[in-house]
Amino acid sequence: ALLQTQRSVQEVGGRQEDELERDGKQEHAASMMITGCDLSAITKPWEVQRMVAEKIASEFFNQGDIERDKFGHTPGYMYDRSKQDELPKMQVGLSTTSAWSCMSL
């Protein structure tokens, strides 16, 4: 869900207002709200924050596995399971990118 939301938010940032009207702003607004909920995990108690971060990382790494195994593509940095030791750096990048995408609309 987060992966799809992240990509939707990135797509919205590059579109013109009339394109958003045709596509339906409600779906994009819902995607941004879900992303906001995911990002708000950093304000929660440590155990909740850790659980959410692990679920998001698992979803991203699973997507990278699919891209590599099923399609033969090299997964992007955040989706590459071999880089899981860099998770804290990825989390900061995800938070910054997602928040910027939402706020720049």
C-alpha atoms as a PDB file:
ATOM      1  CA  ALA A   1       0.000   0.000   0.000  1.00  0.00           C
ATOM      2  CA  LEU A   2       2.714   2.479   0.922  1.00  0.00           C
ATOM      3  CA  LEU A   3       4.709   1.736  -2.204  1.00  0.00           C
ATOM      4  CA  GLN A   4       1.674   2.424  -4.387  1.00  0.00           C
ATOM      5  CA  THR A   5       0.892   5.539  -2.355  1.00  0.00           C
ATOM      6  CA  GLN A   6       4.462   6.790  -2.659  1.00  0.00           C
ATOM      7  CA  ARG A   7       4.368   6.399  -6.434  1.00  0.00           C
ATOM      8  CA  SER A   8       0.938   8.096  -6.608  1.00  0.00           C
ATOM      9  CA  VAL A   9       2.212  11.058  -4.617  1.00  0.00           C
ATOM     10  CA  GLN A  10       5.235  11.374  -6.890  1.00  0.00           C
ATOM     11  CA  GLU A  11       2.999  11.230  -9.974  1.00  0.00           C
ATOM     12  CA  VAL A  12       0.671  13.913  -8.608  1.00  0.00           C
ATOM     13  CA  GLY A  13       3.572  16.306  -8.103  1.00  0.00           C
ATOM     14  CA  GLY A  14       4.321  16.439 -11.833  1.00  0.00           C
ATOM     15  CA  ARG A  15       0.767  16.772 -13.182  1.00  0.00           C
ATOM     16  CA  GLN A  16      -1.205  19.817 -14.219  1.00  0.00           C
ATOM     17  CA  GLU A  17      -4.382  20.821 -12.409  1.00  0.00           C
ATOM     18  CA  ASP A  18      -6.679  19.818 -15.306  1.00  0.00           C
ATOM     19  CA  GLU A  19      -5.141  16.330 -15.405  1.00  0.00           C
ATOM     20  CA  LEU A  20      -5.900  15.923 -11.710  1.00  0.00           C
ATOM     21  CA  GLU A  21      -9.501  16.936 -12.351  1.00  0.00           C
ATOM     22  CA  ARG A  22      -9.910  14.180 -14.947  1.00  0.00           C
ATOM     23  CA  ASP A  23      -8.170  11.566 -12.811  1.00  0.00           C
ATOM     24  CA  GLY A  24     -10.125  12.391  -9.674  1.00  0.00           C
ATOM     25  CA  LYS A  25      -8.527  14.380  -6.898  1.00  0.00           C
ATOM     26  CA  GLN A  26     -10.191  12.296  -4.234  1.00  0.00           C
ATOM     27  CA  GLU A  27      -8.039   9.248  -4.933  1.00  0.00           C
ATOM     28  CA  HIS A  28      -4.873  11.322  -4.812  1.00  0.00           C
ATOM     29  CA  ALA A  29      -5.969  13.077  -1.623  1.00  0.00           C
ATOM     30  CA  ALA A  30      -6.621   9.685  -0.030  1.00  0.00           C
ATOM     31  CA  SER A  31      -3.163   8.503  -1.103  1.00  0.00           C
ATOM     32  CA  MET A  32      -1.561  11.555   0.469  1.00  0.00           C
ATOM     33  CA  MET A  33      -3.498  11.033   3.700  1.00  0.00           C
ATOM     34  CA  ILE A  34      -2.291   7.426   3.885  1.00  0.00           C
ATOM     35  CA  THR A  35       1.264   8.609   3.322  1.00  0.00           C
ATOM     36  CA  GLY A  36       0.779  11.206   6.052  1.00  0.00           C
ATOM     37  CA  CYS A  37      -0.365   8.469   8.419  1.00  0.00           C
ATOM     38  CA  ASP A  38       2.685   6.369   7.564  1.00  0.00           C
ATOM     39  CA  LEU A  39       4.978   9.342   8.104  1.00  0.00           C
ATOM     40  CA  SER A  40       3.344  10.199  11.425  1.00  0.00           C
ATOM     41  CA  ALA A  41       4.707   6.961  12.878  1.00  0.00           C
ATOM     42  CA  ILE A  42       7.868   8.863  13.819  1.00  0.00           C
ATOM     43  CA  THR A  43       5.806  10.774  16.395  1.00  0.00           C
ATOM     44  CA  LYS A  44       4.551   7.598  18.085  1.00  0.00           C
ATOM     45  CA  PRO A  45       6.108   5.629  20.946  1.00  0.00           C
ATOM     46  CA  TRP A  46       9.239   3.696  19.978  1.00  0.00           C
ATOM     47  CA  GLU A  47       7.604   0.256  19.717  1.00  0.00           C
ATOM     48  CA  VAL A  48       4.910   1.569  17.355  1.00  0.00           C
ATOM     49  CA  GLN A  49       7.473   3.471  15.317  1.00  0.00           C
ATOM     50  CA  ARG A  50       9.680   0.387  15.037  1.00  0.00           C
ATOM     51  CA  MET A  51       6.769  -1.845  13.994  1.00  0.00           C
ATOM     52  CA  VAL A  52       5.652   0.580  11.262  1.00  0.00           C
ATOM     53  CA  ALA A  53       9.214   1.026   9.980  1.00  0.00           C
ATOM     54  CA  GLU A  54       9.700  -2.747   9.772  1.00  0.00           C
ATOM     55  CA  LYS A  55       6.421  -3.204   7.888  1.00  0.00           C
ATOM     56  CA  ILE A  56       7.254  -0.448   5.415  1.00  0.00           C
ATOM     57  CA  ALA A  57      10.770  -1.805   4.865  1.00  0.00           C
ATOM     58  CA  SER A  58       9.394  -5.319   4.371  1.00  0.00           C
ATOM     59  CA  GLU A  59       6.913  -4.046   1.779  1.00  0.00           C
ATOM     60  CA  PHE A  60       9.638  -2.166  -0.088  1.00  0.00           C
ATOM     61  CA  PHE A  61      12.085  -5.088  -0.026  1.00  0.00           C
ATOM     62  CA  ASN A  62       9.362  -7.489  -1.204  1.00  0.00           C
ATOM     63  CA  GLN A  63       8.622  -5.159  -4.112  1.00  0.00           C
ATOM     64  CA  GLY A  64      12.339  -5.086  -4.967  1.00  0.00           C
ATOM     65  CA  ASP A  65      12.472  -8.885  -4.874  1.00  0.00           C
ATOM     66  CA  ILE A  66       9.577  -9.044  -7.336  1.00  0.00           C
ATOM     67  CA  GLU A  67      11.226  -6.522  -9.643  1.00  0.00           C
ATOM     68  CA  ARG A  68      14.488  -8.516  -9.605  1.00  0.00           C
ATOM     69  CA  ASP A  69      13.119 -12.069  -9.691  1.00  0.00           C
ATOM     70  CA  LYS A  70      10.078 -11.695 -11.909  1.00  0.00           C
ATOM     71  CA  PHE A  71      11.130  -8.899 -14.254  1.00  0.00           C
ATOM     72  CA  GLY A  72      14.930  -9.056 -14.153  1.00  0.00           C
ATOM     73  CA  HIS A  73      15.244  -5.396 -13.136  1.00  0.00           C
ATOM     74  CA  THR A  74      17.709  -4.007 -10.635  1.00  0.00           C
ATOM     75  CA  PRO A  75      15.563  -2.679  -7.791  1.00  0.00           C
ATOM     76  CA  GLY A  76      15.854   0.917  -6.724  1.00  0.00           C
ATOM     77  CA  TYR A  77      17.950   1.794  -3.691  1.00  0.00           C
ATOM     78  CA  MET A  78      15.095   1.734  -1.172  1.00  0.00           C
ATOM     79  CA  TYR A  79      13.778  -1.542  -2.567  1.00  0.00           C
ATOM     80  CA  ASP A  80      17.081  -3.451  -2.598  1.00  0.00           C
ATOM     81  CA  ARG A  81      17.144  -6.035   0.185  1.00  0.00           C
ATOM     82  CA  SER A  82      20.953  -6.205  -0.009  1.00  0.00           C
ATOM     83  CA  LYS A  83      21.023  -2.658   1.364  1.00  0.00           C
ATOM     84  CA  GLN A  84      18.879  -3.391   4.418  1.00  0.00           C
ATOM     85  CA  ASP A  85      21.724  -2.366   6.726  1.00  0.00           C
ATOM     86  CA  GLU A  86      21.179   1.164   5.471  1.00  0.00           C
ATOM     87  CA  LEU A  87      17.558   1.232   6.645  1.00  0.00           C
ATOM     88  CA  PRO A  88      17.907   4.301   8.927  1.00  0.00           C
ATOM     89  CA  LYS A  89      19.308   6.328   6.021  1.00  0.00           C
ATOM     90  CA  MET A  90      16.477   5.080   3.806  1.00  0.00           C
ATOM     91  CA  GLN A  91      13.876   6.077   6.402  1.00  0.00           C
ATOM     92  CA  VAL A  92      15.154   9.643   6.507  1.00  0.00           C
ATOM     93  CA  GLY A  93      15.139   9.781   2.708  1.00  0.00           C
ATOM     94  CA  LEU A  94      11.620   8.346   2.488  1.00  0.00           C
ATOM     95  CA  SER A  95      10.275  10.772   5.083  1.00  0.00           C
ATOM     96  CA  THR A  96      11.914  13.728   3.387  1.00  0.00           C
ATOM     97  CA  THR A  97      10.831  12.750  -0.140  1.00  0.00           C
ATOM     98  CA  SER A  98       7.266  11.844   0.802  1.00  0.00           C
ATOM     99  CA  ALA A  99       6.742  14.883   2.977  1.00  0.00           C
ATOM    100  CA  TRP A 100       8.175  17.183   0.311  1.00  0.00           C
ATOM    101  CA  SER A 101       5.953  15.608  -2.368  1.00  0.00           C
ATOM    102  CA  CYS A 102       2.852  16.115  -0.260  1.00  0.00           C
ATOM    103  CA  MET A 103       3.729  19.621   0.861  1.00  0.00           C
ATOM    104  CA  SER A 104       4.765  20.874  -2.572  1.00  0.00           C
ATOM    105  CA  LEU A 105       1.292  20.294  -4.013  1.00  0.00           C
END
